[in-house]
């Protein structure tokens, strides 16, 4: 190509880029690359400005999920790419390569799902099950799920998560389980993806069979809880002291803000992403008690890491979190869950280095050919009070997050050519003085179809509960069961363990 041809090509690229930039207004677009709503519900904010209140969020959303403006910008952007296909070959920028890869993946998924929706009454079991659940036709869903199991078809993780969300079968505030018919559907869903694993029931597990779908087993308590009433200290303004609040809050810097309607799924409240200044939440270089590991009985792949944080370190984290303040979380649309208040905290590198040094040797060094990278610094700190319930759900995978070279929040910091994704949920319990508030796992009964075994794990201060996610096979259905004691609260950090994505013969494994 001669100089004239190259100049024309550069001009066309510049014009097309300007057009695409104009059409894709940054205030309207999210920079998420993960298409899983559960993973993105607390994903990176898109603006540093605090949003104005809106009284009409619901009516401005398509099916409660998508802003019409977002959809319009998406259509215009795709049309611009059709008119200027040379943009799809732009590989000069690392950021552009990442975005184009995400675009191709999203387009492929949209095309596949559109085909399934159009064939909802045809041969696609996945779409027919989705249709039945969205219309609350639970008997039809049970029949179709039985057919899927007989055919030994394996649904994808995204489909499983959608089905579980449609069920929305949280425990009630009194600790009893939800709708029995819906629980049977959950049992059928789990039998499709995980099958049934033989489990040995503890001899002291004296369970009365009342004929309900869910059989609740005794709480698994590895050791006696600390008994420290940290929430009592917080309510009495002793943790932190009033004189400490301002200084502690200054140690957290606001990175970004996501207005409520731009969150996924859309929310009545904005999300604020903070980061801690290095050294502001100190961890001892040589902890008094070394961390150890214990397997959770009857729950395949789940284990607990004990003493990863000391009681004083838990108190320091809580003092900082309460000084910054927790935000409410109420997604738009009907649902059973009453969610906890939250604080989104990107832990600083010094904190993460010391946490990794205490824990990484206790984690699987490799999963499905992908090597261990570390714990994700994107912490979601939750405060559960009586009435707060996190419905049964399957966790989605997420990439590692961090700060960009300019100090801005970066949702995905994994190398473009060496992708990294989480494979394990990492729940850190910051206190344990409360009634119930267990992390409860639901597994299909090995003895009877249509029955679920519920295995509650009692939180222990300073411990982390770890279990698999990110794959349609092996991911564990679980809920944050309600705190039942009046005037009590449960504090937990939710993050994940990240692994390299192993290469496969046909390309990169997703």
Foldseek 3Di string as FASTA:
>chain_A
DDPVVVVVVVVLVVVLVVQLPVLPPQVLDDPDLDPALQVQLQFDARAADFDDADPPLQVQADVLAHGPSNVRSVVSNVVSCVVPVVLLVPPPDQVSLLVSVSVVVVVVVVVVVVVCCVQCVHDDLLSVLLVCLLVVVLVSNLVSLVVLVVVLPFDWPSSLQSSQQSLLWWAFLVRHTGDQSSLLSVLSSQCSQANADDFDDDPPFDWDCPPGQETETDADEPDDFPQDALLVCVVVCVLPNPVCLVVLQVQKDWFHKHQQVRGRRRWSGIATAIEGHPPSLDDDLDDPDAWDKDADGPQPFKIKIPQLDDLVSLSSVVSSDVSNHWAATGRPDDHDFRAFTKHWYQYDPNVQVSSFVRPVVVDPQDDPRWGFDGWASGKIKTKADRPGKFTWGFRAKFAHWDADPVRHTDRHPDRSVWGKIFWKKKKAWSHQNFAQQFWWWWHNDPPDNSHIYIHTYGDHHNMIMMATHHTSYGTITIMRHGGNDPSGMTIMMITGTMTIQDADPVGTDD
